[in-house]
Amino acid sequence: MFTGIPVAALDFYEDLEADNSKAFWTAHKHVYDTAVREPMLALVDALGNEFGDAKVFRPYRDVRFSKDKTPYKTHQGAFVALRPGVGYYLQIDAAGLLAAGGFYHATPAQLGRYRAALDDDRRAAQLERIVGKLRRSGHDVDGDKLKTRPRGTAPDHPRLELLRHRSMTARAFFESPPWIDSPRTADEVRAVWRATRPLVEWAADTLGESE
């Protein structure tokens, strides 16, 4: 049963940011296990009946192709996938709690379907209404975007801003919320995921599978 995320989780990541070493990790792995991973597993389990099974990410960074060789992630993330790259996200780090939904990565095929949908008045209007409602309710809607416009797109395209997106997420961030160590955390995440569900489902229907 989920009872909350201990404040020790935030403290753990603050300390890990200061000392991202194997020695620190080995000495404090019991804190990660009990204050971070176990509560996160309980949280996504509490949300699973409504949203589906989540993947809780490993704490280790893939440093094979990175100049940054620090070995450990300074956050714990979890993801519920409706389609490849499309779904609900949750993260704990030193600053607090992030809950979000949308599409985080799109293959060329998926991106092509997204852009084609924005040339369809009905599908495009649906997305415009969804994004507008999310922004009015205080959610931050953003993502990775082209600096100019997709190749072949007219400069006066009526939905140019949406077409520039290569990913799109709606999110809410809670900075060190006083309720993080209580069951209310599940309610807050659930509320954000419910609010972002129209965007997630629109993206899942539009982008489809990765190929």
Protein backbone atom coordinates (compact mmCIF):
# COMPACT_ATOMS: atom_id res chain seq x y z
CA MET A 1 0.00 0.00 0.00
CA PHE A 2 1.30 3.45 -0.93
CA THR A 3 1.71 5.73 2.11
CA GLY A 4 3.84 8.50 0.60
CA ILE A 5 7.38 9.26 -0.53
CA PRO A 6 9.70 9.95 2.40
CA VAL A 7 11.37 13.35 2.49
CA ALA A 8 14.57 11.31 2.75
CA ALA A 9 14.18 10.63 -1.00
CA LEU A 10 14.64 14.31 -1.82
CA ASP A 11 17.55 14.55 0.62
CA PHE A 12 19.13 11.48 -0.98
CA TYR A 13 19.11 13.09 -4.42
CA GLU A 14 20.43 16.39 -3.08
CA ASP A 15 23.38 14.51 -1.59
CA LEU A 16 23.84 12.45 -4.77
CA GLU A 17 24.05 15.64 -6.83
CA ALA A 18 26.93 16.71 -4.59
CA ASP A 19 28.70 13.34 -4.62
CA ASN A 20 27.80 11.20 -7.63
CA SER A 21 30.28 8.45 -6.87
CA LYS A 22 30.23 4.71 -6.44
CA ALA A 23 31.45 5.13 -2.87
CA PHE A 24 28.49 7.35 -1.96
CA TRP A 25 26.03 5.07 -3.76
CA THR A 26 27.31 1.96 -2.02
CA ALA A 27 27.15 3.60 1.38
CA HIS A 28 23.60 4.94 0.81
CA LYS A 29 21.99 2.31 -1.41
CA HIS A 30 19.73 1.26 1.47
CA VAL A 31 18.30 4.80 1.46
CA TYR A 32 17.62 4.57 -2.27
CA ASP A 33 15.94 1.18 -1.84
CA THR A 34 13.69 2.15 1.06
CA ALA A 35 13.03 5.86 0.45
CA VAL A 36 12.99 5.99 -3.36
CA ARG A 37 12.50 2.73 -5.23
CA GLU A 38 10.07 0.95 -2.91
CA PRO A 39 7.72 3.97 -2.53
CA MET A 40 7.85 4.60 -6.29
CA LEU A 41 6.88 0.99 -6.99
CA ALA A 42 4.01 1.30 -4.52
CA LEU A 43 2.89 4.59 -6.10
CA VAL A 44 2.73 3.29 -9.67
CA ASP A 45 0.99 0.16 -8.38
CA ALA A 46 -1.66 2.38 -6.75
CA LEU A 47 -2.19 4.12 -10.11
CA GLY A 48 -1.98 1.00 -12.24
CA ASN A 49 -5.64 0.02 -12.25
CA GLU A 50 -6.58 3.28 -13.97
CA PHE A 51 -3.56 4.02 -16.15
CA GLY A 52 -1.76 0.73 -16.73
CA ASP A 53 1.53 -0.84 -15.74
CA ALA A 54 4.53 1.43 -15.38
CA LYS A 55 8.19 0.91 -16.06
CA VAL A 56 10.31 2.18 -13.17
CA PHE A 57 13.65 3.15 -14.64
CA ARG A 58 17.02 1.92 -13.49
CA PRO A 59 19.11 4.34 -11.40
CA TYR A 60 22.22 3.86 -13.52
CA ARG A 61 23.16 6.18 -16.36
CA ASP A 62 24.20 4.86 -19.78
CA VAL A 63 27.57 6.57 -20.12
CA ARG A 64 28.84 4.64 -23.15
CA PHE A 65 28.37 7.52 -25.59
CA SER A 66 28.39 10.45 -23.15
CA LYS A 67 31.18 12.79 -22.17
CA ASP A 68 29.54 12.99 -18.74
CA LYS A 69 30.66 9.82 -16.96
CA THR A 70 28.82 10.33 -13.67
CA PRO A 71 27.37 6.88 -13.02
CA TYR A 72 23.99 7.56 -11.37
CA LYS A 73 20.84 9.41 -12.36
CA THR A 74 19.93 12.26 -10.01
CA HIS A 75 16.22 11.46 -10.29
CA GLN A 76 13.90 8.46 -10.28
CA GLY A 77 11.49 8.21 -13.17
CA ALA A 78 8.59 5.95 -14.12
CA PHE A 79 6.65 5.74 -17.38
CA VAL A 80 3.31 4.25 -18.42
CA ALA A 81 3.39 3.67 -22.18
CA LEU A 82 0.25 3.65 -24.34
CA ARG A 83 2.36 3.60 -27.50
CA PRO A 84 6.13 3.75 -28.02
CA GLY A 85 7.14 7.14 -26.62
CA VAL A 86 3.56 8.09 -25.69
CA GLY A 87 2.18 7.94 -22.17
CA TYR A 88 2.35 9.18 -18.59
CA TYR A 89 5.52 10.16 -16.73
CA LEU A 90 6.44 10.59 -13.08
CA GLN A 91 9.68 11.79 -11.53
CA ILE A 92 11.18 12.40 -8.09
CA ASP A 93 14.36 14.41 -7.60
CA ALA A 94 15.95 16.76 -5.09
CA ALA A 95 13.58 19.59 -6.00
CA GLY A 96 10.29 17.69 -5.71
CA LEU A 97 7.75 15.82 -7.82
CA LEU A 98 6.98 16.04 -11.55
CA ALA A 99 3.91 14.48 -13.19
CA ALA A 100 3.29 14.70 -16.92
CA GLY A 101 1.70 13.17 -19.98
CA GLY A 102 2.16 13.38 -23.74
CA PHE A 103 4.60 12.11 -26.32
CA TYR A 104 8.26 12.17 -25.40
CA HIS A 105 9.85 10.77 -28.51
CA ALA A 106 8.61 10.20 -32.03
CA THR A 107 10.14 8.10 -34.78
CA PRO A 108 10.15 9.61 -38.29
CA ALA A 109 7.04 7.57 -39.10
CA GLN A 110 5.21 8.78 -36.00
CA LEU A 111 6.30 12.37 -36.62
CA GLY A 112 4.95 12.12 -40.15
CA ARG A 113 1.55 11.04 -38.82
CA TYR A 114 1.58 13.87 -36.29
CA ARG A 115 2.25 16.48 -38.96
CA ALA A 116 -0.34 14.97 -41.30
CA ALA A 117 -2.92 15.25 -38.50
CA LEU A 118 -2.21 18.96 -38.23
CA ASP A 119 -3.21 19.33 -41.88
CA ASP A 120 -6.57 17.74 -41.05
CA ASP A 121 -8.88 20.44 -39.72
CA ARG A 122 -10.82 18.11 -37.44
CA ARG A 123 -7.82 16.40 -35.85
CA ALA A 124 -5.89 19.65 -35.57
CA ALA A 125 -8.82 21.42 -33.90
CA GLN A 126 -8.99 18.63 -31.33
CA LEU A 127 -5.35 19.14 -30.40
CA GLU A 128 -5.73 22.91 -30.26
CA ARG A 129 -8.65 22.55 -27.84
CA ILE A 130 -6.73 20.07 -25.68
CA VAL A 131 -3.62 22.24 -25.48
CA GLY A 132 -5.65 25.37 -24.78
CA LYS A 133 -7.55 23.73 -21.92
CA LEU A 134 -4.36 22.36 -20.37
CA ARG A 135 -2.67 25.75 -20.46
CA ARG A 136 -5.71 27.48 -18.99
CA SER A 137 -5.70 24.99 -16.12
CA GLY A 138 -2.10 25.84 -15.31
CA HIS A 139 -0.22 22.99 -16.96
CA ASP A 140 3.05 23.69 -18.72
CA VAL A 141 2.73 22.43 -22.32
CA ASP A 142 6.07 22.25 -24.09
CA GLY A 143 8.50 19.89 -25.78
CA ASP A 144 11.39 19.57 -28.17
CA LYS A 145 10.75 21.87 -31.15
CA LEU A 146 12.32 22.79 -34.44
CA LYS A 147 13.85 26.26 -34.49
CA THR A 148 12.23 27.05 -37.84
CA ARG A 149 9.58 24.84 -39.49
CA PRO A 150 9.34 21.38 -41.04
CA ARG A 151 10.68 21.16 -44.56
CA GLY A 152 8.01 21.95 -47.12
CA THR A 153 5.75 23.75 -44.64
CA ALA A 154 4.46 27.16 -45.68
CA PRO A 155 5.69 30.01 -43.45
CA ASP A 156 2.10 31.17 -42.97
CA HIS A 157 0.74 27.74 -41.98
CA PRO A 158 -2.03 28.39 -39.42
CA ARG A 159 -0.66 25.74 -37.05
CA LEU A 160 3.03 26.40 -37.50
CA GLU A 161 3.74 26.50 -33.76
CA LEU A 162 2.25 23.04 -33.23
CA LEU A 163 4.00 21.70 -36.33
CA ARG A 164 7.38 22.65 -34.89
CA HIS A 165 6.97 20.12 -32.07
CA ARG A 166 9.01 16.93 -32.15
CA SER A 167 7.64 16.03 -28.74
CA MET A 168 4.86 17.49 -26.63
CA THR A 169 4.14 17.08 -22.94
CA ALA A 170 1.84 18.71 -20.42
CA ARG A 171 3.24 18.70 -16.92
CA ALA A 172 2.91 19.96 -13.40
CA PHE A 173 5.82 20.33 -10.99
CA PHE A 174 5.42 20.37 -7.22
CA GLU A 175 8.42 21.84 -5.43
CA SER A 176 9.06 20.00 -2.14
CA PRO A 177 5.31 19.67 -1.49
CA PRO A 178 4.39 19.31 2.20
CA TRP A 179 2.21 16.28 1.38
CA ILE A 180 4.87 14.25 -0.42
CA ASP A 181 5.23 11.82 2.49
CA SER A 182 1.48 11.15 2.61
CA PRO A 183 -1.00 9.18 0.46
CA ARG A 184 -2.09 12.50 -1.05
CA THR A 185 0.85 12.20 -3.45
CA ALA A 186 -1.05 9.50 -5.37
CA ASP A 187 -4.09 11.80 -5.60
CA GLU A 188 -2.01 14.67 -6.96
CA VAL A 189 -0.32 12.50 -9.61
CA ARG A 190 -3.66 10.95 -10.53
CA ALA A 191 -5.18 14.41 -11.02
CA VAL A 192 -2.37 15.49 -13.36
CA TRP A 193 -2.52 12.28 -15.35
CA ARG A 194 -6.30 12.57 -15.70
CA ALA A 195 -5.93 16.16 -16.92
CA THR A 196 -3.32 15.11 -19.48
CA ARG A 197 -5.26 12.03 -20.63
CA PRO A 198 -6.86 13.80 -23.65
CA LEU A 199 -3.40 14.76 -24.91
CA VAL A 200 -1.98 11.30 -24.28
CA GLU A 201 -4.89 9.57 -26.01
CA TRP A 202 -4.83 12.01 -28.95
CA ALA A 203 -1.12 11.34 -29.38
CA ALA A 204 -1.53 7.58 -29.01
CA ASP A 205 -4.28 7.50 -31.65
CA THR A 206 -2.40 9.83 -34.01
CA LEU A 207 1.19 8.64 -33.75
CA GLY A 208 0.41 4.92 -33.59
CA GLU A 209 3.24 2.42 -33.45
CA SER A 210 6.87 3.29 -34.02
CA GLU A 211 6.89 1.99 -37.60
